[in-house]
Amino acid sequence: MIESIKEGVKHLFPGYFALVMATGIVSIACFLLEMKTIAWWLFHLNVVAYVILWLLTLARISRHRALFFADLTSHAKGPGYFTIVAGTGVLGSQFVIIAGDHTTALWLWVVCVVTWIVLVYAIFSATMLCEGKPDLAKGINGAWLIAVVAT
């Protein structure tokens, strides 16, 4: 089991924070539709998922830095990292809408803005400046829309 966790960290897909995005959106919708019990369960699940995903991401950065940066600079996988920004923003919205916690939401907003700035410059610079770019049909995929969502 430990070996499979190590392999999971090694090959952690950059777009996994989409889980936090989607769960948060459904949670907020449930709250607004007066399904508060479901909204609260999803909110708590989302907090746990967010923390675990950050821990796994930080473990990947520390143990598999080269793979992390290869994904970050990849035309195909790099844009997936923008799910971190969008997921953080949605979780912050949950803290405001569901929990009424503006302080935690403010901290998440700071994480959101800083992460967005780092990723925008890292991903766009790397993909523009790299040699051997793929042609447009192979280099651009639906994941690039996440950059817009994150913004």
Protein backbone atom coordinates (compact mmCIF):
# COMPACT_ATOMS: atom_id res chain seq x y z
CA MET A 1 0.00 0.00 0.00
CA ILE A 2 2.83 2.41 0.87
CA GLU A 3 4.40 1.70 -2.53
CA SER A 4 1.16 2.54 -4.34
CA ILE A 5 0.89 5.83 -2.40
CA LYS A 6 4.47 6.67 -3.39
CA GLU A 7 3.64 5.93 -7.03
CA GLY A 8 0.48 8.02 -6.73
CA VAL A 9 2.48 10.97 -5.42
CA LYS A 10 5.08 10.51 -8.15
CA HIS A 11 2.48 10.61 -10.92
CA LEU A 12 -0.05 12.95 -9.28
CA PHE A 13 -2.10 14.54 -12.06
CA PRO A 14 -1.99 18.36 -11.97
CA GLY A 15 -5.75 18.69 -12.47
CA TYR A 16 -6.86 16.80 -9.35
CA PHE A 17 -7.94 20.02 -7.64
CA ALA A 18 -10.93 19.89 -10.01
CA LEU A 19 -12.35 17.60 -7.31
CA VAL A 20 -12.39 20.57 -4.93
CA MET A 21 -13.88 22.83 -7.61
CA ALA A 22 -16.71 20.47 -8.47
CA THR A 23 -17.50 19.42 -4.91
CA GLY A 24 -17.56 23.05 -3.81
CA ILE A 25 -19.88 24.09 -6.61
CA VAL A 26 -22.33 21.28 -5.79
CA SER A 27 -22.09 22.10 -2.08
CA ILE A 28 -22.90 25.78 -2.66
CA ALA A 29 -25.78 24.84 -4.97
CA CYS A 30 -27.18 22.49 -2.29
CA PHE A 31 -26.90 25.25 0.30
CA LEU A 32 -28.72 27.73 -1.92
CA LEU A 33 -31.43 25.13 -2.60
CA GLU A 34 -31.97 24.67 1.15
CA MET A 35 -30.32 21.23 1.24
CA LYS A 36 -28.11 22.39 4.06
CA THR A 37 -27.17 18.98 5.50
CA ILE A 38 -25.80 17.83 2.16
CA ALA A 39 -24.08 21.19 1.68
CA TRP A 40 -22.33 20.92 5.06
CA TRP A 41 -21.20 17.32 4.44
CA LEU A 42 -19.79 18.28 1.06
CA PHE A 43 -18.15 21.37 2.58
CA HIS A 44 -16.35 19.26 5.21
CA LEU A 45 -15.40 16.67 2.59
CA ASN A 46 -13.99 19.48 0.46
CA VAL A 47 -11.84 20.85 3.28
CA VAL A 48 -10.36 17.38 3.81
CA ALA A 49 -9.81 16.84 0.08
CA TYR A 50 -8.16 20.26 -0.26
CA VAL A 51 -5.72 19.61 2.58
CA ILE A 52 -4.88 16.12 1.30
CA LEU A 53 -4.32 17.37 -2.25
CA TRP A 54 -2.01 20.13 -1.02
CA LEU A 55 -0.06 17.62 1.07
CA LEU A 56 0.28 15.29 -1.91
CA THR A 57 1.29 18.17 -4.18
CA LEU A 58 3.91 19.40 -1.71
CA ALA A 59 5.19 15.82 -1.32
CA ARG A 60 5.48 15.58 -5.10
CA ILE A 61 7.38 18.85 -5.27
CA SER A 62 9.82 17.73 -2.59
CA ARG A 63 10.30 14.12 -3.78
CA HIS A 64 9.79 14.37 -7.55
CA ARG A 65 10.71 17.95 -8.40
CA ALA A 66 11.76 17.12 -11.98
CA LEU A 67 8.43 15.43 -12.77
CA PHE A 68 6.50 18.29 -11.15
CA PHE A 69 8.29 20.88 -13.29
CA ALA A 70 8.01 18.71 -16.40
CA ASP A 71 4.23 18.71 -15.93
CA LEU A 72 4.21 22.43 -15.13
CA THR A 73 5.96 23.24 -18.39
CA SER A 74 4.01 20.73 -20.49
CA HIS A 75 1.53 22.04 -23.05
CA ALA A 76 -0.77 19.12 -22.23
CA LYS A 77 -0.53 18.98 -18.42
CA GLY A 78 0.57 22.46 -17.30
CA PRO A 79 -2.84 24.12 -17.52
CA GLY A 80 -4.21 21.49 -15.14
CA TYR A 81 -2.40 23.27 -12.32
CA PHE A 82 -4.89 26.13 -12.67
CA THR A 83 -7.41 23.85 -10.92
CA ILE A 84 -5.47 24.68 -7.73
CA VAL A 85 -6.44 28.32 -8.15
CA ALA A 86 -10.06 27.62 -9.09
CA GLY A 87 -10.47 25.03 -6.33
CA THR A 88 -9.03 27.42 -3.76
CA GLY A 89 -11.42 30.15 -4.89
CA VAL A 90 -14.44 27.87 -4.75
CA LEU A 91 -13.45 26.61 -1.29
CA GLY A 92 -13.13 30.22 -0.15
CA SER A 93 -16.63 30.87 -1.46
CA GLN A 94 -17.86 27.90 0.55
CA PHE A 95 -16.33 29.36 3.69
CA VAL A 96 -18.22 32.61 3.10
CA ILE A 97 -21.55 31.25 1.84
CA ILE A 98 -21.92 28.12 3.95
CA ALA A 99 -19.84 28.77 7.07
CA GLY A 100 -19.96 32.57 7.21
CA ASP A 101 -16.19 32.50 7.86
CA HIS A 102 -14.73 35.55 6.17
CA THR A 103 -11.30 35.24 7.80
CA THR A 104 -10.51 31.81 6.37
CA ALA A 105 -11.96 32.91 3.05
CA LEU A 106 -9.61 35.91 3.01
CA TRP A 107 -6.60 33.66 3.60
CA LEU A 108 -7.75 31.36 0.82
CA TRP A 109 -8.14 34.39 -1.44
CA VAL A 110 -4.51 35.34 -0.73
CA VAL A 111 -3.41 31.77 -1.56
CA CYS A 112 -5.57 31.98 -4.66
CA VAL A 113 -4.04 35.24 -5.91
CA VAL A 114 -0.44 34.27 -5.15
CA THR A 115 -0.86 30.84 -6.75
CA TRP A 116 -2.52 32.39 -9.80
CA ILE A 117 0.34 34.87 -10.28
CA VAL A 118 3.00 32.16 -9.94
CA LEU A 119 1.19 29.76 -12.27
CA VAL A 120 0.31 32.32 -14.94
CA TYR A 121 3.91 33.42 -15.29
CA ALA A 122 5.39 29.93 -14.92
CA ILE A 123 3.06 28.10 -17.29
CA PHE A 124 2.69 30.74 -19.97
CA SER A 125 6.40 31.61 -19.96
CA ALA A 126 7.45 27.98 -20.11
CA THR A 127 5.08 27.10 -22.92
CA MET A 128 5.95 30.18 -24.96
CA LEU A 129 9.71 29.95 -24.51
CA CYS A 130 10.22 26.21 -24.83
CA GLU A 131 11.77 24.79 -27.93
CA GLY A 132 10.11 22.02 -29.87
CA LYS A 133 6.54 23.20 -29.36
CA PRO A 134 3.80 20.85 -30.49
CA ASP A 135 1.55 22.01 -33.32
CA LEU A 136 -1.66 23.79 -32.36
CA ALA A 137 -3.86 20.70 -32.60
CA LYS A 138 -1.67 18.78 -30.12
CA GLY A 139 -0.50 21.67 -27.95
CA ILE A 140 -3.84 23.20 -27.00
CA ASN A 141 -6.59 21.18 -25.35
CA GLY A 142 -9.62 21.81 -23.15
CA ALA A 143 -7.43 22.13 -20.07
CA TRP A 144 -6.36 25.57 -21.30
CA LEU A 145 -9.86 26.82 -20.48
CA ILE A 146 -9.05 26.24 -16.80
CA ALA A 147 -6.74 29.26 -17.02
CA VAL A 148 -9.83 31.36 -17.79
CA VAL A 149 -11.84 29.69 -15.02
CA ALA A 150 -9.01 30.28 -12.53
CA THR A 151 -8.85 33.94 -13.49
